[in-house]
C-alpha atoms as a PDB file:
ATOM      1  CA  MET A   1      -0.012   0.017  -0.005  1.00  0.00           C
ATOM      2  CA  GLU A   2       1.435   3.335  -1.098  1.00  0.00           C
ATOM      3  CA  LEU A   3       0.123   6.897  -1.236  1.00  0.00           C
ATOM      4  CA  THR A   4       1.413   9.183  -3.958  1.00  0.00           C
ATOM      5  CA  PHE A   5       0.865  12.909  -3.775  1.00  0.00           C
ATOM      6  CA  LEU A   6       0.089  14.439  -7.232  1.00  0.00           C
ATOM      7  CA  GLY A   7      -0.641  17.924  -5.904  1.00  0.00           C
ATOM      8  CA  THR A   8       0.178  19.448  -2.520  1.00  0.00           C
ATOM      9  CA  GLY A   9      -0.517  23.195  -2.875  1.00  0.00           C
ATOM     10  CA  ALA A  10      -3.321  25.296  -1.552  1.00  0.00           C
ATOM     11  CA  GLY A  11      -5.751  27.319  -3.684  1.00  0.00           C
ATOM     12  CA  THR A  12      -3.968  27.679  -7.009  1.00  0.00           C
ATOM     13  CA  PRO A  13      -1.151  25.913  -8.873  1.00  0.00           C
ATOM     14  CA  THR A  14       2.384  27.227  -8.567  1.00  0.00           C
ATOM     15  CA  LYS A  15       5.552  26.386 -10.432  1.00  0.00           C
ATOM     16  CA  PHE A  16       6.463  23.873  -7.779  1.00  0.00           C
ATOM     17  CA  ARG A  17       3.161  22.546  -6.382  1.00  0.00           C
ATOM     18  CA  ASN A  18       0.020  21.569  -8.224  1.00  0.00           C
ATOM     19  CA  VAL A  19      -3.315  21.730  -6.406  1.00  0.00           C
ATOM     20  CA  THR A  20      -4.701  18.869  -4.306  1.00  0.00           C
ATOM     21  CA  SER A  21      -4.747  15.276  -5.372  1.00  0.00           C
ATOM     22  CA  SER A  22      -3.342  11.995  -4.103  1.00  0.00           C
ATOM     23  CA  VAL A  23      -3.595   8.359  -5.118  1.00  0.00           C
ATOM     24  CA  LEU A  24      -3.718   5.327  -2.794  1.00  0.00           C
ATOM     25  CA  ASN A  25      -2.065   2.540  -4.747  1.00  0.00           C
ATOM     26  CA  LEU A  26      -3.668  -0.801  -3.835  1.00  0.00           C
ATOM     27  CA  GLN A  27      -2.307  -2.860  -6.754  1.00  0.00           C
ATOM     28  CA  LYS A  28      -0.695  -5.463  -4.425  1.00  0.00           C
ATOM     29  CA  GLU A  29      -3.803  -5.676  -2.225  1.00  0.00           C
ATOM     30  CA  CYS A  30      -6.629  -5.800  -4.782  1.00  0.00           C
ATOM     31  CA  GLY A  31      -5.273  -4.719  -8.144  1.00  0.00           C
ATOM     32  CA  VAL A  32      -6.642  -1.131  -8.277  1.00  0.00           C
ATOM     33  CA  SER A  33      -5.933   2.388  -7.055  1.00  0.00           C
ATOM     34  CA  TRP A  34      -8.048   5.098  -5.530  1.00  0.00           C
ATOM     35  CA  MET A  35      -7.793   8.858  -6.006  1.00  0.00           C
ATOM     36  CA  PHE A  36      -8.557  11.488  -3.321  1.00  0.00           C
ATOM     37  CA  ASP A  37      -9.519  14.905  -4.781  1.00  0.00           C
ATOM     38  CA  CYS A  38      -8.687  15.989  -8.358  1.00  0.00           C
ATOM     39  CA  GLY A  39      -7.609  19.589  -8.677  1.00  0.00           C
ATOM     40  CA  GLU A  40      -6.899  21.140 -12.079  1.00  0.00           C
ATOM     41  CA  GLY A  41      -3.932  19.631 -13.895  1.00  0.00           C
ATOM     42  CA  THR A  42      -4.136  16.288 -12.049  1.00  0.00           C
ATOM     43  CA  GLN A  43      -4.190  14.269 -15.233  1.00  0.00           C
ATOM     44  CA  HIS A  44      -1.010  15.981 -16.389  1.00  0.00           C
ATOM     45  CA  GLN A  45       0.627  15.120 -13.054  1.00  0.00           C
ATOM     46  CA  LEU A  46      -0.325  11.517 -13.634  1.00  0.00           C
ATOM     47  CA  LEU A  47       1.752  11.541 -16.821  1.00  0.00           C
ATOM     48  CA  HIS A  48       4.833  12.145 -14.657  1.00  0.00           C
ATOM     49  CA  SER A  49       4.122   9.173 -12.414  1.00  0.00           C
ATOM     50  CA  SER A  50       3.945   5.418 -12.829  1.00  0.00           C
ATOM     51  CA  LEU A  51       0.290   5.337 -11.842  1.00  0.00           C
ATOM     52  CA  ARG A  52      -2.186   4.013 -14.389  1.00  0.00           C
ATOM     53  CA  MET A  53      -5.377   5.993 -14.886  1.00  0.00           C
ATOM     54  CA  SER A  54      -7.150   2.921 -16.241  1.00  0.00           C
ATOM     55  CA  ARG A  55      -6.659   1.101 -12.889  1.00  0.00           C
ATOM     56  CA  MET A  56      -8.297   3.833 -10.831  1.00  0.00           C
ATOM     57  CA  THR A  57     -11.723   2.659  -9.738  1.00  0.00           C
ATOM     58  CA  LYS A  58     -12.697   5.226  -7.108  1.00  0.00           C
ATOM     59  CA  LEU A  59     -12.444   8.942  -6.634  1.00  0.00           C
ATOM     60  CA  PHE A  60     -13.161  10.399  -3.173  1.00  0.00           C
ATOM     61  CA  VAL A  61     -13.870  14.128  -3.127  1.00  0.00           C
ATOM     62  CA  THR A  62     -13.536  16.010   0.179  1.00  0.00           C
ATOM     63  CA  HIS A  63     -15.402  19.165  -0.900  1.00  0.00           C
ATOM     64  CA  LEU A  64     -16.400  21.293  -3.849  1.00  0.00           C
ATOM     65  CA  HIS A  65     -13.818  24.077  -3.854  1.00  0.00           C
ATOM     66  CA  GLY A  66     -12.189  24.378  -7.266  1.00  0.00           C
ATOM     67  CA  ASP A  67      -8.697  23.402  -6.222  1.00  0.00           C
ATOM     68  CA  HIS A  68     -10.119  19.977  -5.338  1.00  0.00           C
ATOM     69  CA  ILE A  69     -12.495  19.355  -8.258  1.00  0.00           C
ATOM     70  CA  PHE A  70     -11.527  21.279 -11.402  1.00  0.00           C
ATOM     71  CA  GLY A  71      -9.601  18.385 -12.707  1.00  0.00           C
ATOM     72  CA  ILE A  72     -12.404  15.843 -12.641  1.00  0.00           C
ATOM     73  CA  PRO A  73     -14.037  16.352 -16.053  1.00  0.00           C
ATOM     74  CA  GLY A  74     -10.696  16.186 -17.812  1.00  0.00           C
ATOM     75  CA  LEU A  75      -9.631  13.106 -15.894  1.00  0.00           C
ATOM     76  CA  LEU A  76     -12.900  11.269 -16.691  1.00  0.00           C
ATOM     77  CA  SER A  77     -12.673  12.164 -20.376  1.00  0.00           C
ATOM     78  CA  THR A  78      -9.013  11.269 -20.723  1.00  0.00           C
ATOM     79  CA  ARG A  79      -9.605   8.022 -18.934  1.00  0.00           C
ATOM     80  CA  SER A  80     -12.274   7.204 -21.546  1.00  0.00           C
ATOM     81  CA  ASN A  81     -10.021   8.262 -24.446  1.00  0.00           C
ATOM     82  CA  HIS A  82      -7.337   5.919 -23.132  1.00  0.00           C
ATOM     83  CA  GLY A  83      -9.733   3.008 -23.448  1.00  0.00           C
ATOM     84  CA  ALA A  84     -10.323   2.334 -19.748  1.00  0.00           C
ATOM     85  CA  GLU A  85     -12.996  -0.241 -19.147  1.00  0.00           C
ATOM     86  CA  LEU A  86     -13.134  -0.595 -15.393  1.00  0.00           C
ATOM     87  CA  PRO A  87     -16.119   1.193 -13.813  1.00  0.00           C
ATOM     88  CA  LEU A  88     -15.374   4.345 -11.823  1.00  0.00           C
ATOM     89  CA  VAL A  89     -17.283   5.438  -8.702  1.00  0.00           C
ATOM     90  CA  VAL A  90     -17.052   9.019  -7.496  1.00  0.00           C
ATOM     91  CA  TYR A  91     -17.897   9.742  -3.843  1.00  0.00           C
ATOM     92  CA  GLY A  92     -18.408  13.310  -2.698  1.00  0.00           C
ATOM     93  CA  PRO A  93     -20.669  15.936  -1.019  1.00  0.00           C
ATOM     94  CA  LYS A  94     -24.062  16.950  -2.256  1.00  0.00           C
ATOM     95  CA  GLY A  95     -23.614  18.867  -5.522  1.00  0.00           C
ATOM     96  CA  ILE A  96     -20.777  16.710  -6.945  1.00  0.00           C
ATOM     97  CA  ALA A  97     -23.223  14.860  -9.232  1.00  0.00           C
ATOM     98  CA  ASP A  98     -24.586  18.133 -10.705  1.00  0.00           C
ATOM     99  CA  TYR A  99     -21.049  19.482 -11.225  1.00  0.00           C
ATOM    100  CA  ILE A 100     -19.771  16.403 -13.029  1.00  0.00           C
ATOM    101  CA  GLN A 101     -22.920  15.697 -15.057  1.00  0.00           C
ATOM    102  CA  THR A 102     -23.229  19.368 -16.193  1.00  0.00           C
ATOM    103  CA  SER A 103     -19.533  19.470 -17.161  1.00  0.00           C
ATOM    104  CA  LEU A 104     -19.752  16.353 -19.235  1.00  0.00           C
ATOM    105  CA  ARG A 105     -23.041  17.289 -20.835  1.00  0.00           C
ATOM    106  CA  LEU A 106     -21.980  20.791 -21.874  1.00  0.00           C
ATOM    107  CA  SER A 107     -18.672  19.493 -23.254  1.00  0.00           C
ATOM    108  CA  GLU A 108     -20.464  16.645 -25.020  1.00  0.00           C
ATOM    109  CA  SER A 109     -18.129  14.132 -23.423  1.00  0.00           C
ATOM    110  CA  ARG A 110     -18.954  10.484 -23.790  1.00  0.00           C
ATOM    111  CA  MET A 111     -17.765   7.879 -21.310  1.00  0.00           C
ATOM    112  CA  LYS A 112     -16.870   4.467 -22.677  1.00  0.00           C
ATOM    113  CA  TYR A 113     -16.949   3.001 -19.140  1.00  0.00           C
ATOM    114  CA  PRO A 114     -19.614   3.154 -16.387  1.00  0.00           C
ATOM    115  CA  VAL A 115     -19.435   6.146 -14.078  1.00  0.00           C
ATOM    116  CA  THR A 116     -21.438   6.162 -10.823  1.00  0.00           C
ATOM    117  CA  ILE A 117     -21.664   9.242  -8.615  1.00  0.00           C
ATOM    118  CA  VAL A 118     -22.489   8.777  -4.935  1.00  0.00           C
ATOM    119  CA  GLU A 119     -23.375  11.808  -2.884  1.00  0.00           C
ATOM    120  CA  ILE A 120     -22.285  10.863   0.636  1.00  0.00           C
ATOM    121  CA  ASP A 121     -23.241  11.432   4.219  1.00  0.00           C
ATOM    122  CA  GLU A 122     -21.352  10.448   7.371  1.00  0.00           C
ATOM    123  CA  GLY A 123     -20.649   6.830   8.119  1.00  0.00           C
ATOM    124  CA  VAL A 124     -19.320   3.866   6.152  1.00  0.00           C
ATOM    125  CA  ILE A 125     -19.609   4.738   2.491  1.00  0.00           C
ATOM    126  CA  PHE A 126     -17.861   1.668   1.008  1.00  0.00           C
ATOM    127  CA  GLU A 127     -16.983  -1.866   2.131  1.00  0.00           C
ATOM    128  CA  ASP A 128     -15.743  -4.979   0.374  1.00  0.00           C
ATOM    129  CA  GLU A 129     -13.762  -8.046   1.362  1.00  0.00           C
ATOM    130  CA  TYR A 130     -10.559  -6.013   1.632  1.00  0.00           C
ATOM    131  CA  PHE A 131     -11.396  -2.493   2.920  1.00  0.00           C
ATOM    132  CA  THR A 132     -13.949  -0.209   4.552  1.00  0.00           C
ATOM    133  CA  VAL A 133     -14.044   3.548   3.931  1.00  0.00           C
ATOM    134  CA  GLU A 134     -15.691   5.841   6.499  1.00  0.00           C
ATOM    135  CA  ALA A 135     -16.518   9.497   5.959  1.00  0.00           C
ATOM    136  CA  ALA A 136     -17.112  12.236   8.519  1.00  0.00           C
ATOM    137  CA  ARG A 137     -17.731  15.979   8.259  1.00  0.00           C
ATOM    138  CA  VAL A 138     -14.964  18.328   9.257  1.00  0.00           C
ATOM    139  CA  ASP A 139     -14.931  22.119   9.684  1.00  0.00           C
ATOM    140  CA  HIS A 140     -14.287  24.118   6.491  1.00  0.00           C
ATOM    141  CA  ARG A 141     -16.115  27.073   4.949  1.00  0.00           C
ATOM    142  CA  ILE A 142     -18.355  24.710   2.954  1.00  0.00           C
ATOM    143  CA  GLU A 143     -19.386  21.126   3.552  1.00  0.00           C
ATOM    144  CA  CYS A 144     -16.199  19.042   3.722  1.00  0.00           C
ATOM    145  CA  PHE A 145     -15.372  15.462   4.582  1.00  0.00           C
ATOM    146  CA  GLY A 146     -12.445  13.431   5.827  1.00  0.00           C
ATOM    147  CA  PHE A 147     -11.979   9.818   5.045  1.00  0.00           C
ATOM    148  CA  ARG A 148     -10.781   6.837   7.002  1.00  0.00           C
ATOM    149  CA  VAL A 149      -9.553   3.832   4.916  1.00  0.00           C
ATOM    150  CA  CYS A 150      -9.304   0.636   6.930  1.00  0.00           C
ATOM    151  CA  GLU A 151      -7.764  -2.531   5.521  1.00  0.00           C
ATOM    152  CA  LYS A 152      -9.299  -5.685   6.986  1.00  0.00           C
ATOM    153  CA  ASP A 153      -7.128  -7.989   9.002  1.00  0.00           C
ATOM    154  CA  ARG A 154      -5.769 -10.901   7.013  1.00  0.00           C
ATOM    155  CA  PRO A 155      -5.326 -14.450   8.281  1.00  0.00           C
ATOM    156  CA  GLY A 156      -1.846 -15.727   8.990  1.00  0.00           C
ATOM    157  CA  THR A 157       0.149 -17.735   6.478  1.00  0.00           C
ATOM    158  CA  LEU A 158      -0.240 -21.521   6.476  1.00  0.00           C
ATOM    159  CA  ASP A 159       3.071 -23.211   7.193  1.00  0.00           C
ATOM    160  CA  ALA A 160       3.066 -25.849   4.449  1.00  0.00           C
ATOM    161  CA  ASP A 161       6.617 -26.944   5.263  1.00  0.00           C
ATOM    162  CA  ALA A 162       5.606 -27.779   8.818  1.00  0.00           C
ATOM    163  CA  LEU A 163       2.597 -29.748   7.591  1.00  0.00           C
ATOM    164  CA  LYS A 164       4.779 -31.649   5.185  1.00  0.00           C
ATOM    165  CA  ALA A 165       7.291 -32.430   7.969  1.00  0.00           C
ATOM    166  CA  ASP A 166       4.457 -33.852  10.044  1.00  0.00           C
ATOM    167  CA  GLY A 167       3.404 -36.092   7.225  1.00  0.00           C
ATOM    168  CA  VAL A 168       0.287 -34.192   6.214  1.00  0.00           C
ATOM    169  CA  PRO A 169      -0.231 -34.475   2.411  1.00  0.00           C
ATOM    170  CA  ALA A 170      -1.133 -31.468   0.333  1.00  0.00           C
ATOM    171  CA  GLY A 171      -4.744 -31.274  -0.769  1.00  0.00           C
ATOM    172  CA  PRO A 172      -8.033 -29.404  -0.608  1.00  0.00           C
ATOM    173  CA  HIS A 173      -8.032 -29.664   3.166  1.00  0.00           C
ATOM    174  CA  PHE A 174      -5.240 -27.023   3.222  1.00  0.00           C
ATOM    175  CA  ALA A 175      -7.932 -24.340   2.773  1.00  0.00           C
ATOM    176  CA  ALA A 176      -9.685 -25.477   5.900  1.00  0.00           C
ATOM    177  CA  LEU A 177      -6.436 -25.693   7.831  1.00  0.00           C
ATOM    178  CA  LYS A 178      -5.550 -22.150   6.774  1.00  0.00           C
ATOM    179  CA  ARG A 179      -8.805 -20.977   8.329  1.00  0.00           C
ATOM    180  CA  GLY A 180      -7.690 -22.602  11.576  1.00  0.00           C
ATOM    181  CA  GLU A 181     -10.164 -25.467  11.366  1.00  0.00           C
ATOM    182  CA  THR A 182      -9.528 -29.087  12.397  1.00  0.00           C
ATOM    183  CA  VAL A 183      -9.607 -31.727   9.633  1.00  0.00           C
ATOM    184  CA  ILE A 184      -9.630 -35.500   9.738  1.00  0.00           C
ATOM    185  CA  LEU A 185      -7.265 -37.172   7.297  1.00  0.00           C
ATOM    186  CA  SER A 186      -7.961 -40.448   5.487  1.00  0.00           C
ATOM    187  CA  ASP A 187      -5.752 -42.313   8.010  1.00  0.00           C
ATOM    188  CA  GLY A 188      -7.919 -41.029  10.860  1.00  0.00           C
ATOM    189  CA  ARG A 189      -5.542 -38.399  12.234  1.00  0.00           C
ATOM    190  CA  ARG A 190      -7.064 -35.134  13.492  1.00  0.00           C
ATOM    191  CA  ILE A 191      -5.023 -32.065  12.416  1.00  0.00           C
ATOM    192  CA  ASP A 192      -5.576 -28.805  14.157  1.00  0.00           C
ATOM    193  CA  GLY A 193      -5.127 -26.037  11.643  1.00  0.00           C
ATOM    194  CA  ALA A 194      -4.502 -23.432  14.327  1.00  0.00           C
ATOM    195  CA  ARG A 195      -1.114 -25.057  15.068  1.00  0.00           C
ATOM    196  CA  TYR A 196       0.088 -24.377  11.489  1.00  0.00           C
ATOM    197  CA  VAL A 197      -1.215 -20.862  10.876  1.00  0.00           C
ATOM    198  CA  GLY A 198       0.994 -17.904  11.497  1.00  0.00           C
ATOM    199  CA  PRO A 199      -0.049 -14.676  13.314  1.00  0.00           C
ATOM    200  CA  VAL A 200      -2.927 -12.576  11.966  1.00  0.00           C
ATOM    201  CA  GLN A 201      -1.720  -9.758   9.640  1.00  0.00           C
ATOM    202  CA  PRO A 202      -3.334  -6.591  10.987  1.00  0.00           C
ATOM    203  CA  GLY A 203      -4.953  -4.210   8.471  1.00  0.00           C
ATOM    204  CA  ARG A 204      -3.480  -0.803   7.867  1.00  0.00           C
ATOM    205  CA  ILE A 205      -5.357   2.484   8.387  1.00  0.00           C
ATOM    206  CA  VAL A 206      -4.960   5.648   6.285  1.00  0.00           C
ATOM    207  CA  ALA A 207      -6.790   8.868   7.229  1.00  0.00           C
ATOM    208  CA  ILE A 208      -7.048  11.610   4.616  1.00  0.00           C
ATOM    209  CA  ILE A 209      -8.585  14.760   6.070  1.00  0.00           C
ATOM    210  CA  GLY A 210     -10.091  17.466   3.782  1.00  0.00           C
ATOM    211  CA  ASP A 211      -9.572  21.191   4.325  1.00  0.00           C
ATOM    212  CA  THR A 212     -10.569  21.966   7.886  1.00  0.00           C
ATOM    213  CA  ARG A 213     -10.075  23.857  11.079  1.00  0.00           C
ATOM    214  CA  PRO A 214      -9.103  21.560  13.986  1.00  0.00           C
ATOM    215  CA  HIS A 215     -12.150  19.364  14.660  1.00  0.00           C
ATOM    216  CA  PRO A 216     -13.045  16.314  16.853  1.00  0.00           C
ATOM    217  CA  SER A 217     -14.010  14.361  13.676  1.00  0.00           C
ATOM    218  CA  SER A 218     -10.390  14.569  12.482  1.00  0.00           C
ATOM    219  CA  ILE A 219      -9.179  12.915  15.669  1.00  0.00           C
ATOM    220  CA  ARG A 220     -11.786  10.171  15.383  1.00  0.00           C
ATOM    221  CA  LEU A 221     -11.022   9.432  11.729  1.00  0.00           C
ATOM    222  CA  ALA A 222      -7.294   9.376  12.421  1.00  0.00           C
ATOM    223  CA  GLU A 223      -7.414   7.280  15.621  1.00  0.00           C
ATOM    224  CA  GLU A 224      -4.479   4.769  15.613  1.00  0.00           C
ATOM    225  CA  ALA A 225      -3.893   5.398  11.896  1.00  0.00           C
ATOM    226  CA  ASP A 226      -0.686   4.180  10.228  1.00  0.00           C
ATOM    227  CA  LEU A 227      -0.738   7.338   8.140  1.00  0.00           C
ATOM    228  CA  LEU A 228      -2.520  10.634   8.642  1.00  0.00           C
ATOM    229  CA  VAL A 229      -2.652  13.115   5.756  1.00  0.00           C
ATOM    230  CA  HIS A 230      -3.727  16.475   7.161  1.00  0.00           C
ATOM    231  CA  GLU A 231      -3.756  19.961   5.674  1.00  0.00           C
ATOM    232  CA  ALA A 232      -1.244  22.483   7.094  1.00  0.00           C
ATOM    233  CA  THR A 233      -1.861  25.585   5.036  1.00  0.00           C
ATOM    234  CA  PHE A 234      -0.139  28.006   7.470  1.00  0.00           C
ATOM    235  CA  THR A 235       2.350  28.299  10.301  1.00  0.00           C
ATOM    236  CA  ASN A 236       0.974  29.069  13.737  1.00  0.00           C
ATOM    237  CA  ASP A 237       1.749  32.826  13.517  1.00  0.00           C
ATOM    238  CA  LYS A 238      -1.126  32.887  11.003  1.00  0.00           C
ATOM    239  CA  VAL A 239      -3.504  31.000  13.226  1.00  0.00           C
ATOM    240  CA  ASP A 240      -6.213  33.702  13.001  1.00  0.00           C
ATOM    241  CA  MET A 241      -5.933  33.723   9.182  1.00  0.00           C
ATOM    242  CA  ALA A 242      -6.138  29.924   9.168  1.00  0.00           C
ATOM    243  CA  PHE A 243      -9.378  30.057  11.213  1.00  0.00           C
ATOM    244  CA  ASP A 244     -10.914  32.737   8.988  1.00  0.00           C
ATOM    245  CA  TYR A 245     -10.250  30.736   5.846  1.00  0.00           C
ATOM    246  CA  GLY A 246     -11.272  27.406   7.437  1.00  0.00           C
ATOM    247  CA  HIS A 247      -7.793  25.899   7.530  1.00  0.00           C
ATOM    248  CA  SER A 248      -5.252  24.501  10.006  1.00  0.00           C
ATOM    249  CA  THR A 249      -1.686  25.375  10.946  1.00  0.00           C
ATOM    250  CA  ALA A 250       1.177  22.875  11.037  1.00  0.00           C
ATOM    251  CA  ARG A 251       1.045  22.950  14.841  1.00  0.00           C
ATOM    252  CA  GLN A 252      -2.658  22.178  14.807  1.00  0.00           C
ATOM    253  CA  ALA A 253      -2.122  19.280  12.408  1.00  0.00           C
ATOM    254  CA  ALA A 254       0.518  17.878  14.721  1.00  0.00           C
ATOM    255  CA  GLU A 255      -1.757  18.196  17.671  1.00  0.00           C
ATOM    256  CA  ILE A 256      -4.443  16.163  15.797  1.00  0.00           C
ATOM    257  CA  ALA A 257      -1.812  13.498  15.086  1.00  0.00           C
ATOM    258  CA  MET A 258      -0.690  13.349  18.723  1.00  0.00           C
ATOM    259  CA  LYS A 259      -4.235  13.129  20.112  1.00  0.00           C
ATOM    260  CA  ALA A 260      -5.158  10.421  17.581  1.00  0.00           C
ATOM    261  CA  ASN A 261      -1.942   8.451  18.327  1.00  0.00           C
ATOM    262  CA  VAL A 262      -1.076   7.972  14.666  1.00  0.00           C
ATOM    263  CA  ARG A 263       2.202   6.437  13.463  1.00  0.00           C
ATOM    264  CA  ARG A 264       3.039   9.110  10.967  1.00  0.00           C
ATOM    265  CA  LEU A 265       1.752  12.539   9.840  1.00  0.00           C
ATOM    266  CA  VAL A 266       2.300  13.957   6.366  1.00  0.00           C
ATOM    267  CA  MET A 267       1.132  17.553   5.916  1.00  0.00           C
ATOM    268  CA  THR A 268      -0.157  18.912   2.641  1.00  0.00           C
ATOM    269  CA  HIS A 269      -2.184  21.848   1.140  1.00  0.00           C
ATOM    270  CA  VAL A 270       0.743  24.168   1.753  1.00  0.00           C
ATOM    271  CA  SER A 271       0.277  27.875   1.080  1.00  0.00           C
ATOM    272  CA  ALA A 272       2.430  29.360  -1.676  1.00  0.00           C
ATOM    273  CA  ARG A 273       3.813  31.861   0.805  1.00  0.00           C
ATOM    274  CA  TYR A 274       6.018  29.051   2.182  1.00  0.00           C
ATOM    275  CA  GLN A 275       7.645  28.108  -1.102  1.00  0.00           C
ATOM    276  CA  GLY A 276      11.266  27.392  -0.178  1.00  0.00           C
ATOM    277  CA  GLY A 277      10.456  27.895   3.474  1.00  0.00           C
ATOM    278  CA  GLU A 278       8.609  24.655   4.267  1.00  0.00           C
ATOM    279  CA  GLU A 279      11.121  23.871   7.014  1.00  0.00           C
ATOM    280  CA  ALA A 280       9.199  26.345   9.209  1.00  0.00           C
ATOM    281  CA  LEU A 281       6.133  24.151   8.918  1.00  0.00           C
ATOM    282  CA  LEU A 282       8.154  21.003   9.577  1.00  0.00           C
ATOM    283  CA  GLN A 283       9.906  22.431  12.643  1.00  0.00           C
ATOM    284  CA  GLU A 284       6.581  23.672  14.096  1.00  0.00           C
ATOM    285  CA  ALA A 285       4.950  20.294  13.666  1.00  0.00           C
ATOM    286  CA  ARG A 286       7.857  18.210  14.969  1.00  0.00           C
ATOM    287  CA  GLU A 287       7.933  20.178  18.209  1.00  0.00           C
ATOM    288  CA  ILE A 288       4.530  18.604  18.934  1.00  0.00           C
ATOM    289  CA  PHE A 289       4.693  15.337  16.906  1.00  0.00           C
ATOM    290  CA  PRO A 290       8.208  14.170  15.860  1.00  0.00           C
ATOM    291  CA  ALA A 291       6.952  11.737  13.174  1.00  0.00           C
ATOM    292  CA  SER A 292       5.855  14.632  10.966  1.00  0.00           C
ATOM    293  CA  ASP A 293       6.747  15.408   7.332  1.00  0.00           C
ATOM    294  CA  TYR A 294       5.385  17.714   4.685  1.00  0.00           C
ATOM    295  CA  ALA A 295       4.492  16.489   1.204  1.00  0.00           C
ATOM    296  CA  GLU A 296       6.044  17.550  -2.078  1.00  0.00           C
ATOM    297  CA  ASP A 297       4.429  16.746  -5.448  1.00  0.00           C
ATOM    298  CA  PHE A 298       5.208  13.140  -6.425  1.00  0.00           C
ATOM    299  CA  LEU A 299       6.209  12.078  -2.889  1.00  0.00           C
ATOM    300  CA  THR A 300       5.261   8.415  -2.435  1.00  0.00           C
ATOM    301  CA  VAL A 301       4.754   7.128   1.076  1.00  0.00           C
ATOM    302  CA  SER A 302       4.759   3.398   1.858  1.00  0.00           C
ATOM    303  CA  VAL A 303       2.327   2.289   4.517  1.00  0.00           C
ATOM    304  CA  GLU A 304       3.964  -0.631   6.294  1.00  0.00           C
ATOM    305  CA  ARG A 305       2.175  -3.343   8.163  1.00  0.00           C
ATOM    306  CA  ARG A 306       2.226  -3.290  11.923  1.00  0.00           C
ATOM    307  CA  ARG A 307       3.456  -6.233  13.911  1.00  0.00           C
ATOM    308  CA  SER A 308       1.310  -9.338  13.499  1.00  0.00           C
ATOM    309  CA  PHE A 309      -0.630 -10.717  16.469  1.00  0.00           C
ATOM    310  CA  SER A 310      -1.942 -14.152  17.521  1.00  0.00           C
ATOM    311  CA  LEU A 311      -5.570 -14.895  18.131  1.00  0.00           C
END
């Protein structure tokens, strides 16, 4: 599981930072990737990455400000022109359907793949055999959501070598043994699968918080997360400006990370005023939460598994 930042700036593109977008690469887990926000120019950023637009099956939109959505019509159209066939589901606040449908209709764009638009509320908005995604409102100037992506725990690995050493022949009963069940062999022996299955592999948690002032929902979404992505538009000497514009400072982002007991914080949505001076954001955050970094465009962060545990 990896998260790649395609845009890390606030408000408008600059020479060094595009506006907000990131991609959670789940190729190893389930063969697809998911995008979070899609500011203008995002499809061009993709051309400078190894990410495949055709493998993106979900787009999660935090809110409807332009620096988070102006890239969507172009992305959908280009994805179609490139021959993508996998369906795409867009999740976002009320109004996202009208925005996308109007843009595609007026531009006479035709999609060659199914596009579904889901206007979300708080709670679990997606679940399958691998992941759940929860949304909660945060505190911006317009309706805005944060997302919590939880990978489900995976069973431990079956120790086939140990089974072989104990004289257990390979066969269809291995599936039952991997589930920890007891099987009876043809010679009458009872084999307890739990003895041959390794520790459970705990699922990873990634929290991606939209533009927001400090808010209790951010802490809840980020609780025990392996990676928290939180906006840090300003340094704390601009705390009043941050509040007026519905944003957070680097210090406030670090405080959220500390209260939520996350493993790592990566700050994004950086104001252009700090171009070349991002170390001020980093120093401010690390005074509160040492495991803090700020994102640059094209930064890729690996989300490692935590230590396995036994049932």
